[in-house]
């Protein structure tokens, strides 16, 4: 596929490298210009371009930017053809993103994103840690292959997201509509707990909306305290913290 990635943070950068290696034609941009893109991304086969160029001649746009920057993306993608699939990887952390009233009042995160962009999106790769995404992908059918939840309302968006999740080395699991994507938000049992396709559906169903925000905040407090006390946390450590709090 011809893929544009907007955002070159940890998730966007890993996706650019993995999807390029898998044979896709990938362009990546950030707000600071192509000269600031990590050279390892270009070495993997992706092209670093300006943000205005990343949306040209693509079939899929992956948006991997902080929620505070989402509203600014709307003008950039105003002319993006309707048939282009848009995939949102974002999560809401008030301590990082600042408080967004609608989300604090319980609006589903990616529903809010779709409203800000003025077009439908699918949600994927938000519930996998960067370390897991980078190092724990496996070939299709391999024992213990981890799964990634994909939510969305349009078939074109969901099909693209499922196919690209598979290309990054994970089993795509249909998590339902975008309105149900709160089940894969921070604080839910399915969020960054490294589950297989056999266990992820049950974790999605076990989510309780009233517990999402307090558990998210407890996990952040726990991780912050450990780091402030000198701990160096691995991906496996973060997964265990999430499992202990979210389940």
Foldseek 3Di string as FASTA:
>chain_A
DEEFEEDQPLVSLLLLLLVLLLPYAYEYEYQPAQVPHDVVSVVSPYHYGYLLPRLPPGQEYEYEDEPLCLLVCQVSCVPRDQRRAYEYQYADDCVPNPDDVVVVVPQQDQVVSCVSNVHWHKYKNNQADSVCLNPPAAQPPDPLAFEIEIAADDPSNRVVRQVSRNSSRHHYDHLYHSRLCLLAHALFLSHHQGHHNVCNVVSSVPGDSVRRVVLNVVLVVVVVVCVVVPDDDDSVNSNVSSNVRND
